[in-house]
Full PDB file with SEQRES, HELIX, SHEET, SSBOND, CRYST1, ORIGX, SCALE, CONECT and MASTER records, all heavy atoms in Angstrom:
SEQRES   1 A   37  GLY ILE SER ALA VAL ILE ASN LYS ASP ASN SER VAL LYS          
SEQRES   2 A   37  LEU MET GLY GLU PRO ASP SER GLY ASP PHE SER GLY GLU          
SEQRES   3 A   37  THR ASP PHE LEU THR SER PRO GLN MET LYS ASN                  
HELIX    1 AA1 PRO A   33  LYS A   36  5                                   4    
SHEET    1 AA1 2 ALA A   4  ILE A   6  0                                        
SHEET    2 AA1 2 VAL A  12  LEU A  14 -1                                        
CRYST1    1.000    1.000    1.000  90.00  90.00  90.00 P 1           1          
ORIGX1      1.000000  0.000000  0.000000        0.00000                         
ORIGX2      0.000000  1.000000  0.000000        0.00000                         
ORIGX3      0.000000  0.000000  1.000000        0.00000                         
SCALE1      1.000000  0.000000  0.000000        0.00000                         
SCALE2      0.000000  1.000000  0.000000        0.00000                         
SCALE3      0.000000  0.000000  1.000000        0.00000                         
ATOM      1  N   GLY A   1     142.276  42.144 300.098  1.00  0.00           N  
ATOM      2  CA  GLY A   1     142.792  43.198 299.229  1.00  0.00           C  
ATOM      3  C   GLY A   1     142.045  43.214 297.924  1.00  0.00           C  
ATOM      4  O   GLY A   1     140.989  42.572 297.775  1.00  0.00           O  
ATOM      5  N   ILE A   2     142.595  43.940 296.955  1.00  0.00           N  
ATOM      6  CA  ILE A   2     141.928  44.006 295.662  1.00  0.00           C  
ATOM      7  C   ILE A   2     142.947  44.272 294.562  1.00  0.00           C  
ATOM      8  O   ILE A   2     143.932  44.961 294.755  1.00  0.00           O  
ATOM      9  CB  ILE A   2     140.814  45.092 295.625  1.00  0.00           C  
ATOM     10  CG1 ILE A   2     139.872  44.887 294.485  1.00  0.00           C  
ATOM     11  CG2 ILE A   2     141.397  46.469 295.611  1.00  0.00           C  
ATOM     12  CD1 ILE A   2     138.951  43.720 294.650  1.00  0.00           C  
ATOM     13  N   SER A   3     142.759  43.630 293.426  1.00  0.00           N  
ATOM     14  CA  SER A   3     143.472  43.913 292.201  1.00  0.00           C  
ATOM     15  C   SER A   3     142.447  44.291 291.161  1.00  0.00           C  
ATOM     16  O   SER A   3     141.484  43.546 290.989  1.00  0.00           O  
ATOM     17  CB  SER A   3     144.269  42.673 291.729  1.00  0.00           C  
ATOM     18  OG  SER A   3     145.235  42.289 292.658  1.00  0.00           O  
ATOM     19  N   ALA A   4     142.647  45.375 290.508  1.00  0.00           N  
ATOM     20  CA  ALA A   4     141.678  45.846 289.475  1.00  0.00           C  
ATOM     21  C   ALA A   4     142.361  46.644 288.387  1.00  0.00           C  
ATOM     22  O   ALA A   4     143.368  47.297 288.638  1.00  0.00           O  
ATOM     23  CB  ALA A   4     140.585  46.693 290.166  1.00  0.00           C  
ATOM     24  N   VAL A   5     141.805  46.567 287.215  1.00  0.00           N  
ATOM     25  CA  VAL A   5     142.259  47.374 286.079  1.00  0.00           C  
ATOM     26  C   VAL A   5     141.241  48.462 285.833  1.00  0.00           C  
ATOM     27  O   VAL A   5     140.054  48.206 285.785  1.00  0.00           O  
ATOM     28  CB  VAL A   5     142.405  46.485 284.822  1.00  0.00           C  
ATOM     29  CG1 VAL A   5     142.726  47.312 283.597  1.00  0.00           C  
ATOM     30  CG2 VAL A   5     143.460  45.409 285.033  1.00  0.00           C  
ATOM     31  N   ILE A   6     141.740  49.712 285.710  1.00  0.00           N  
ATOM     32  CA  ILE A   6     140.893  50.809 285.235  1.00  0.00           C  
ATOM     33  C   ILE A   6     141.277  51.011 283.800  1.00  0.00           C  
ATOM     34  O   ILE A   6     142.401  51.336 283.460  1.00  0.00           O  
ATOM     35  CB  ILE A   6     141.162  52.116 286.030  1.00  0.00           C  
ATOM     36  CG1 ILE A   6     141.071  51.877 287.551  1.00  0.00           C  
ATOM     37  CG2 ILE A   6     140.216  53.213 285.556  1.00  0.00           C  
ATOM     38  CD1 ILE A   6     139.706  51.612 288.097  1.00  0.00           C  
ATOM     39  N   ASN A   7     140.320  50.742 282.926  1.00  0.00           N  
ATOM     40  CA  ASN A   7     140.570  50.884 281.480  1.00  0.00           C  
ATOM     41  C   ASN A   7     140.380  52.333 281.042  1.00  0.00           C  
ATOM     42  O   ASN A   7     139.710  53.103 281.700  1.00  0.00           O  
ATOM     43  CB  ASN A   7     139.610  49.953 280.688  1.00  0.00           C  
ATOM     44  CG  ASN A   7     139.956  48.499 280.884  1.00  0.00           C  
ATOM     45  OD1 ASN A   7     141.124  48.132 280.815  1.00  0.00           O  
ATOM     46  ND2 ASN A   7     138.990  47.703 281.162  1.00  0.00           N  
ATOM     47  N   LYS A   8     140.975  52.655 279.917  1.00  0.00           N  
ATOM     48  CA  LYS A   8     140.915  54.003 279.407  1.00  0.00           C  
ATOM     49  C   LYS A   8     139.497  54.408 278.998  1.00  0.00           C  
ATOM     50  O   LYS A   8     139.234  55.582 278.807  1.00  0.00           O  
ATOM     51  CB  LYS A   8     141.887  54.166 278.223  1.00  0.00           C  
ATOM     52  CG  LYS A   8     143.343  54.056 278.671  1.00  0.00           C  
ATOM     53  CD  LYS A   8     144.289  54.119 277.538  1.00  0.00           C  
ATOM     54  CE  LYS A   8     145.718  53.929 278.015  1.00  0.00           C  
ATOM     55  NZ  LYS A   8     146.672  53.982 276.926  1.00  0.00           N  
ATOM     56  N   ASP A   9     138.585  53.472 278.866  1.00  0.00           N  
ATOM     57  CA  ASP A   9     137.193  53.750 278.576  1.00  0.00           C  
ATOM     58  C   ASP A   9     136.339  53.904 279.807  1.00  0.00           C  
ATOM     59  O   ASP A   9     135.143  53.896 279.764  1.00  0.00           O  
ATOM     60  CB  ASP A   9     136.604  52.691 277.652  1.00  0.00           C  
ATOM     61  CG  ASP A   9     136.496  51.331 278.313  1.00  0.00           C  
ATOM     62  OD1 ASP A   9     136.902  51.212 279.511  1.00  0.00           O  
ATOM     63  OD2 ASP A   9     136.007  50.394 277.665  1.00  0.00           O  
ATOM     64  N   ASN A  10     136.986  54.090 280.986  1.00  0.00           N  
ATOM     65  CA  ASN A  10     136.329  54.289 282.283  1.00  0.00           C  
ATOM     66  C   ASN A  10     135.723  53.037 282.853  1.00  0.00           C  
ATOM     67  O   ASN A  10     134.979  53.112 283.820  1.00  0.00           O  
ATOM     68  CB  ASN A  10     135.249  55.376 282.236  1.00  0.00           C  
ATOM     69  CG  ASN A  10     135.723  56.685 281.654  1.00  0.00           C  
ATOM     70  OD1 ASN A  10     136.932  56.966 281.713  1.00  0.00           O  
ATOM     71  ND2 ASN A  10     134.835  57.438 281.109  1.00  0.00           N  
ATOM     72  N   SER A  11     135.988  51.868 282.340  1.00  0.00           N  
ATOM     73  CA  SER A  11     135.453  50.657 282.897  1.00  0.00           C  
ATOM     74  C   SER A  11     136.422  50.056 283.918  1.00  0.00           C  
ATOM     75  O   SER A  11     137.630  50.337 283.842  1.00  0.00           O  
ATOM     76  CB  SER A  11     135.168  49.606 281.789  1.00  0.00           C  
ATOM     77  OG  SER A  11     136.365  49.230 281.123  1.00  0.00           O  
ATOM     78  N   VAL A  12     135.886  49.336 284.849  1.00  0.00           N  
ATOM     79  CA  VAL A  12     136.661  48.702 285.908  1.00  0.00           C  
ATOM     80  C   VAL A  12     136.563  47.207 285.764  1.00  0.00           C  
ATOM     81  O   VAL A  12     135.452  46.671 285.594  1.00  0.00           O  
ATOM     82  CB  VAL A  12     136.177  49.116 287.302  1.00  0.00           C  
ATOM     83  CG1 VAL A  12     136.930  48.390 288.430  1.00  0.00           C  
ATOM     84  CG2 VAL A  12     136.251  50.629 287.491  1.00  0.00           C  
ATOM     85  N   LYS A  13     137.679  46.496 285.802  1.00  0.00           N  
ATOM     86  CA  LYS A  13     137.692  45.043 285.799  1.00  0.00           C  
ATOM     87  C   LYS A  13     138.429  44.529 287.014  1.00  0.00           C  
ATOM     88  O   LYS A  13     139.604  44.806 287.164  1.00  0.00           O  
ATOM     89  CB  LYS A  13     138.323  44.529 284.519  1.00  0.00           C  
ATOM     90  CG  LYS A  13     138.347  43.010 284.468  1.00  0.00           C  
ATOM     91  CD  LYS A  13     138.619  42.440 283.138  1.00  0.00           C  
ATOM     92  CE  LYS A  13     138.421  40.938 283.211  1.00  0.00           C  
ATOM     93  NZ  LYS A  13     138.534  40.319 281.957  1.00  0.00           N  
ATOM     94  N   LEU A  14     137.700  43.794 287.853  1.00  0.00           N  
ATOM     95  CA  LEU A  14     138.347  43.210 289.055  1.00  0.00           C  
ATOM     96  C   LEU A  14     139.221  42.045 288.600  1.00  0.00           C  
ATOM     97  O   LEU A  14     138.766  41.176 287.853  1.00  0.00           O  
ATOM     98  CB  LEU A  14     137.262  42.765 290.036  1.00  0.00           C  
ATOM     99  CG  LEU A  14     136.374  43.851 290.598  1.00  0.00           C  
ATOM    100  CD1 LEU A  14     135.360  43.305 291.563  1.00  0.00           C  
ATOM    101  CD2 LEU A  14     137.179  44.973 291.238  1.00  0.00           C  
ATOM    102  N   MET A  15     140.445  42.009 289.066  1.00  0.00           N  
ATOM    103  CA  MET A  15     141.403  40.980 288.673  1.00  0.00           C  
ATOM    104  C   MET A  15     141.644  39.973 289.803  1.00  0.00           C  
ATOM    105  O   MET A  15     142.590  39.185 289.709  1.00  0.00           O  
ATOM    106  CB  MET A  15     142.735  41.628 288.242  1.00  0.00           C  
ATOM    107  CG  MET A  15     142.612  42.480 287.007  1.00  0.00           C  
ATOM    108  SD  MET A  15     142.093  41.544 285.551  1.00  0.00           S  
ATOM    109  CE  MET A  15     143.496  40.445 285.350  1.00  0.00           C  
ATOM    110  N   GLY A  16     140.811  39.995 290.786  1.00  0.00           N  
ATOM    111  CA  GLY A  16     140.924  39.020 291.868  1.00  0.00           C  
ATOM    112  C   GLY A  16     139.727  39.191 292.792  1.00  0.00           C  
ATOM    113  O   GLY A  16     139.022  40.194 292.743  1.00  0.00           O  
ATOM    114  N   GLU A  17     139.508  38.208 293.622  1.00  0.00           N  
ATOM    115  CA  GLU A  17     138.430  38.281 294.579  1.00  0.00           C  
ATOM    116  C   GLU A  17     139.042  38.067 295.990  1.00  0.00           C  
ATOM    117  O   GLU A  17     139.810  37.113 296.163  1.00  0.00           O  
ATOM    118  CB  GLU A  17     137.386  37.211 294.320  1.00  0.00           C  
ATOM    119  CG  GLU A  17     136.629  37.428 293.034  1.00  0.00           C  
ATOM    120  CD  GLU A  17     135.572  36.389 292.837  1.00  0.00           C  
ATOM    121  OE1 GLU A  17     135.046  35.816 293.808  1.00  0.00           O  
ATOM    122  OE2 GLU A  17     135.260  36.114 291.652  1.00  0.00           O  
ATOM    123  N   PRO A  18     138.719  38.961 296.919  1.00  0.00           N  
ATOM    124  CA  PRO A  18     139.220  38.734 298.264  1.00  0.00           C  
ATOM    125  C   PRO A  18     138.613  37.481 298.874  1.00  0.00           C  
ATOM    126  O   PRO A  18     137.464  37.133 298.583  1.00  0.00           O  
ATOM    127  CB  PRO A  18     138.788  39.986 299.026  1.00  0.00           C  
ATOM    128  CG  PRO A  18     137.785  40.683 298.176  1.00  0.00           C  
ATOM    129  CD  PRO A  18     137.886  40.151 296.785  1.00  0.00           C  
ATOM    130  N   ASP A  19     139.418  36.789 299.626  1.00  0.00           N  
ATOM    131  CA  ASP A  19     138.916  35.574 300.353  1.00  0.00           C  
ATOM    132  C   ASP A  19     137.903  36.040 301.369  1.00  0.00           C  
ATOM    133  O   ASP A  19     137.997  37.116 301.960  1.00  0.00           O  
ATOM    134  CB  ASP A  19     140.081  34.861 301.069  1.00  0.00           C  
ATOM    135  CG  ASP A  19     140.959  34.136 300.089  1.00  0.00           C  
ATOM    136  OD1 ASP A  19     140.497  33.716 299.034  1.00  0.00           O  
ATOM    137  OD2 ASP A  19     142.153  33.996 300.428  1.00  0.00           O  
ATOM    138  N   SER A  20     136.946  35.176 301.658  1.00  0.00           N  
ATOM    139  CA  SER A  20     136.029  35.441 302.749  1.00  0.00           C  
ATOM    140  C   SER A  20     135.635  34.127 303.323  1.00  0.00           C  
ATOM    141  O   SER A  20     135.676  33.084 302.663  1.00  0.00           O  
ATOM    142  CB  SER A  20     134.810  36.226 302.231  1.00  0.00           C  
ATOM    143  OG  SER A  20     134.118  35.456 301.283  1.00  0.00           O  
ATOM    144  N   GLY A  21     135.240  34.169 304.558  1.00  0.00           N  
ATOM    145  CA  GLY A  21     134.812  32.972 305.247  1.00  0.00           C  
ATOM    146  C   GLY A  21     133.547  33.250 306.052  1.00  0.00           C  
ATOM    147  O   GLY A  21     132.744  34.096 305.696  1.00  0.00           O  
ATOM    148  N   ASP A  22     133.393  32.506 307.111  1.00  0.00           N  
ATOM    149  CA  ASP A  22     132.223  32.636 307.938  1.00  0.00           C  
ATOM    150  C   ASP A  22     132.273  33.898 308.831  1.00  0.00           C  
ATOM    151  O   ASP A  22     131.268  34.343 309.347  1.00  0.00           O  
ATOM    152  CB  ASP A  22     132.059  31.402 308.815  1.00  0.00           C  
ATOM    153  CG  ASP A  22     131.779  30.149 307.991  1.00  0.00           C  
ATOM    154  OD1 ASP A  22     131.173  30.283 306.896  1.00  0.00           O  
ATOM    155  OD2 ASP A  22     132.182  29.049 308.446  1.00  0.00           O  
ATOM    156  N   PHE A  23     133.469  34.444 309.043  1.00  0.00           N  
ATOM    157  CA  PHE A  23     133.616  35.581 309.933  1.00  0.00           C  
ATOM    158  C   PHE A  23     134.397  36.676 309.224  1.00  0.00           C  
ATOM    159  O   PHE A  23     135.163  36.411 308.298  1.00  0.00           O  
ATOM    160  CB  PHE A  23     134.395  35.180 311.219  1.00  0.00           C  
ATOM    161  CG  PHE A  23     133.726  34.032 311.942  1.00  0.00           C  
ATOM    162  CD1 PHE A  23     134.165  32.739 311.779  1.00  0.00           C  
ATOM    163  CD2 PHE A  23     132.611  34.264 312.745  1.00  0.00           C  
ATOM    164  CE1 PHE A  23     133.561  31.702 312.447  1.00  0.00           C  
ATOM    165  CE2 PHE A  23     132.023  33.236 313.416  1.00  0.00           C  
ATOM    166  CZ  PHE A  23     132.479  31.916 313.251  1.00  0.00           C  
ATOM    167  N   SER A  24     134.219  37.930 309.670  1.00  0.00           N  
ATOM    168  CA  SER A  24     134.920  39.034 309.137  1.00  0.00           C  
ATOM    169  C   SER A  24     136.429  38.836 309.288  1.00  0.00           C  
ATOM    170  O   SER A  24     136.895  38.454 310.334  1.00  0.00           O  
ATOM    171  CB  SER A  24     134.493  40.316 309.833  1.00  0.00           C  
ATOM    172  OG  SER A  24     135.235  41.410 309.362  1.00  0.00           O  
ATOM    173  N   GLY A  25     137.193  39.151 308.266  1.00  0.00           N  
ATOM    174  CA  GLY A  25     138.642  39.029 308.334  1.00  0.00           C  
ATOM    175  C   GLY A  25     139.159  37.613 308.122  1.00  0.00           C  
ATOM    176  O   GLY A  25     140.356  37.389 308.197  1.00  0.00           O  
ATOM    177  N   GLU A  26     138.280  36.672 307.905  1.00  0.00           N  
ATOM    178  CA  GLU A  26     138.700  35.281 307.673  1.00  0.00           C  
ATOM    179  C   GLU A  26     139.182  35.151 306.256  1.00  0.00           C  
ATOM    180  O   GLU A  26     138.535  35.516 305.311  1.00  0.00           O  
ATOM    181  CB  GLU A  26     137.543  34.352 307.935  1.00  0.00           C  
ATOM    182  CG  GLU A  26     137.934  32.886 307.943  1.00  0.00           C  
ATOM    183  CD  GLU A  26     136.760  31.993 308.319  1.00  0.00           C  
ATOM    184  OE1 GLU A  26     135.816  32.460 308.961  1.00  0.00           O  
ATOM    185  OE2 GLU A  26     136.810  30.838 307.923  1.00  0.00           O  
ATOM    186  N   THR A  27     140.390  34.609 306.088  1.00  0.00           N  
ATOM    187  CA  THR A  27     140.977  34.536 304.766  1.00  0.00           C  
ATOM    188  C   THR A  27     141.955  33.370 304.699  1.00  0.00           C  
ATOM    189  O   THR A  27     142.380  32.849 305.712  1.00  0.00           O  
ATOM    190  CB  THR A  27     141.702  35.862 304.420  1.00  0.00           C  
ATOM    191  OG1 THR A  27     142.138  35.822 303.087  1.00  0.00           O  
ATOM    192  CG2 THR A  27     142.882  36.122 305.296  1.00  0.00           C  
ATOM    193  N   ASP A  28     142.283  32.968 303.484  1.00  0.00           N  
ATOM    194  CA  ASP A  28     143.388  32.025 303.281  1.00  0.00           C  
ATOM    195  C   ASP A  28     144.648  32.846 303.163  1.00  0.00           C  
ATOM    196  O   ASP A  28     144.681  33.887 302.561  1.00  0.00           O  
ATOM    197  CB  ASP A  28     143.164  31.216 302.002  1.00  0.00           C  
ATOM    198  CG  ASP A  28     142.095  30.129 302.162  1.00  0.00           C  
ATOM    199  OD1 ASP A  28     142.021  29.564 303.227  1.00  0.00           O  
ATOM    200  OD2 ASP A  28     141.341  29.898 301.206  1.00  0.00           O  
ATOM    201  N   PHE A  29     145.722  32.323 303.731  1.00  0.00           N  
ATOM    202  CA  PHE A  29     146.987  33.038 303.698  1.00  0.00           C  
ATOM    203  C   PHE A  29     147.995  32.278 302.853  1.00  0.00           C  
ATOM    204  O   PHE A  29     147.834  31.144 302.485  1.00  0.00           O  
ATOM    205  CB  PHE A  29     147.529  33.248 305.116  1.00  0.00           C  
ATOM    206  CG  PHE A  29     146.706  34.168 305.956  1.00  0.00           C  
ATOM    207  CD1 PHE A  29     145.908  33.663 306.974  1.00  0.00           C  
ATOM    208  CD2 PHE A  29     146.712  35.514 305.699  1.00  0.00           C  
ATOM    209  CE1 PHE A  29     145.151  34.501 307.758  1.00  0.00           C  
ATOM    210  CE2 PHE A  29     145.935  36.386 306.490  1.00  0.00           C  
ATOM    211  CZ  PHE A  29     145.142  35.866 307.531  1.00  0.00           C  
ATOM    212  N   LEU A  30     149.118  32.979 302.587  1.00  0.00           N  
ATOM    213  CA  LEU A  30     150.189  32.358 301.816  1.00  0.00           C  
ATOM    214  C   LEU A  30     150.744  31.113 302.508  1.00  0.00           C  
ATOM    215  O   LEU A  30     151.295  30.235 301.858  1.00  0.00           O  
ATOM    216  CB  LEU A  30     151.286  33.420 301.643  1.00  0.00           C  
ATOM    217  CG  LEU A  30     152.393  33.155 300.617  1.00  0.00           C  
ATOM    218  CD1 LEU A  30     151.799  32.850 299.255  1.00  0.00           C  
ATOM    219  CD2 LEU A  30     153.338  34.337 300.555  1.00  0.00           C  
ATOM    220  N   THR A  31     150.574  31.043 303.824  1.00  0.00           N  
ATOM    221  CA  THR A  31     151.078  29.893 304.615  1.00  0.00           C  
ATOM    222  C   THR A  31     150.116  28.712 304.563  1.00  0.00           C  
ATOM    223  O   THR A  31     150.462  27.633 305.054  1.00  0.00           O  
ATOM    224  CB  THR A  31     151.296  30.310 306.050  1.00  0.00           C  
ATOM    225  OG1 THR A  31     150.127  30.935 306.557  1.00  0.00           O  
ATOM    226  CG2 THR A  31     152.484  31.282 306.204  1.00  0.00           C  
ATOM    227  N   SER A  32     148.948  28.862 303.998  1.00  0.00           N  
ATOM    228  CA  SER A  32     147.989  27.748 303.880  1.00  0.00           C  
ATOM    229  C   SER A  32     148.511  26.694 302.924  1.00  0.00           C  
ATOM    230  O   SER A  32     149.061  27.019 301.884  1.00  0.00           O  
ATOM    231  CB  SER A  32     146.628  28.262 303.368  1.00  0.00           C  
ATOM    232  OG  SER A  32     146.129  29.297 304.201  1.00  0.00           O  
ATOM    233  N   PRO A  33     148.365  25.416 303.287  1.00  0.00           N  
ATOM    234  CA  PRO A  33     148.906  24.336 302.451  1.00  0.00           C  
ATOM    235  C   PRO A  33     148.363  24.353 301.007  1.00  0.00           C  
ATOM    236  O   PRO A  33     149.132  23.999 300.070  1.00  0.00           O  
ATOM    237  CB  PRO A  33     148.452  23.058 303.177  1.00  0.00           C  
ATOM    238  CG  PRO A  33     148.087  23.466 304.544  1.00  0.00           C  
ATOM    239  CD  PRO A  33     147.687  24.912 304.489  1.00  0.00           C  
ATOM    240  N   GLN A  34     147.159  24.795 300.782  1.00  0.00           N  
ATOM    241  CA  GLN A  34     146.626  24.757 299.423  1.00  0.00           C  
ATOM    242  C   GLN A  34     147.241  25.774 298.505  1.00  0.00           C  
ATOM    243  O   GLN A  34     146.991  25.798 297.300  1.00  0.00           O  
ATOM    244  CB  GLN A  34     145.080  24.944 299.458  1.00  0.00           C  
ATOM    245  CG  GLN A  34     144.580  26.234 299.978  1.00  0.00           C  
ATOM    246  CD  GLN A  34     144.259  26.175 301.463  1.00  0.00           C  
ATOM    247  OE1 GLN A  34     144.851  25.427 302.227  1.00  0.00           O  
ATOM    248  NE2 GLN A  34     143.328  27.012 301.909  1.00  0.00           N  
ATOM    249  N   MET A  35     148.118  26.673 299.030  1.00  0.00           N  
ATOM    250  CA  MET A  35     148.759  27.658 298.157  1.00  0.00           C  
ATOM    251  C   MET A  35     149.906  27.036 297.359  1.00  0.00           C  
ATOM    252  O   MET A  35     150.512  27.734 296.534  1.00  0.00           O  
ATOM    253  CB  MET A  35     149.278  28.826 298.976  1.00  0.00           C  
ATOM    254  CG  MET A  35     148.207  29.638 299.616  1.00  0.00           C  
ATOM    255  SD  MET A  35     146.858  29.998 298.491  1.00  0.00           S  
ATOM    256  CE  MET A  35     145.478  29.944 299.593  1.00  0.00           C  
ATOM    257  N   LYS A  36     150.150  25.747 297.552  1.00  0.00           N  
ATOM    258  CA  LYS A  36     151.122  25.032 296.695  1.00  0.00           C  
ATOM    259  C   LYS A  36     150.402  24.152 295.690  1.00  0.00           C  
ATOM    260  O   LYS A  36     151.048  23.422 294.952  1.00  0.00           O  
ATOM    261  CB  LYS A  36     152.063  24.223 297.570  1.00  0.00           C  
ATOM    262  CG  LYS A  36     152.963  25.043 298.447  1.00  0.00           C  
ATOM    263  CD  LYS A  36     153.921  24.197 299.183  1.00  0.00           C  
ATOM    264  CE  LYS A  36     154.749  25.037 300.109  1.00  0.00           C  
ATOM    265  NZ  LYS A  36     155.607  24.192 300.936  1.00  0.00           N  
ATOM    266  N   ASN A  37     149.084  24.229 295.671  1.00  0.00           N  
ATOM    267  CA  ASN A  37     148.291  23.405 294.788  1.00  0.00           C  
ATOM    268  C   ASN A  37     147.949  24.189 293.517  1.00  0.00           C  
ATOM    269  O   ASN A  37     147.277  25.216 293.595  1.00  0.00           O  
ATOM    270  CB  ASN A  37     146.975  23.000 295.549  1.00  0.00           C  
ATOM    271  CG  ASN A  37     146.085  22.145 294.692  1.00  0.00           C  
ATOM    272  OD1 ASN A  37     145.755  22.492 293.571  1.00  0.00           O  
ATOM    273  ND2 ASN A  37     145.658  21.040 295.270  1.00  0.00           N  
TER     274      ASN A  37                                                      
MASTER        0    0    0    1    2    0    0    6  273    1    0    3          
END                                                                             
């Protein structure tokens, strides 16, 4: 997914980076143990 701010001066600031892995669609999920770290 994506989180981003569109500022009133027309600039875009990404507020997160999507997870990626070795394959398309590979991601860490909320159920991953490291999400409590």
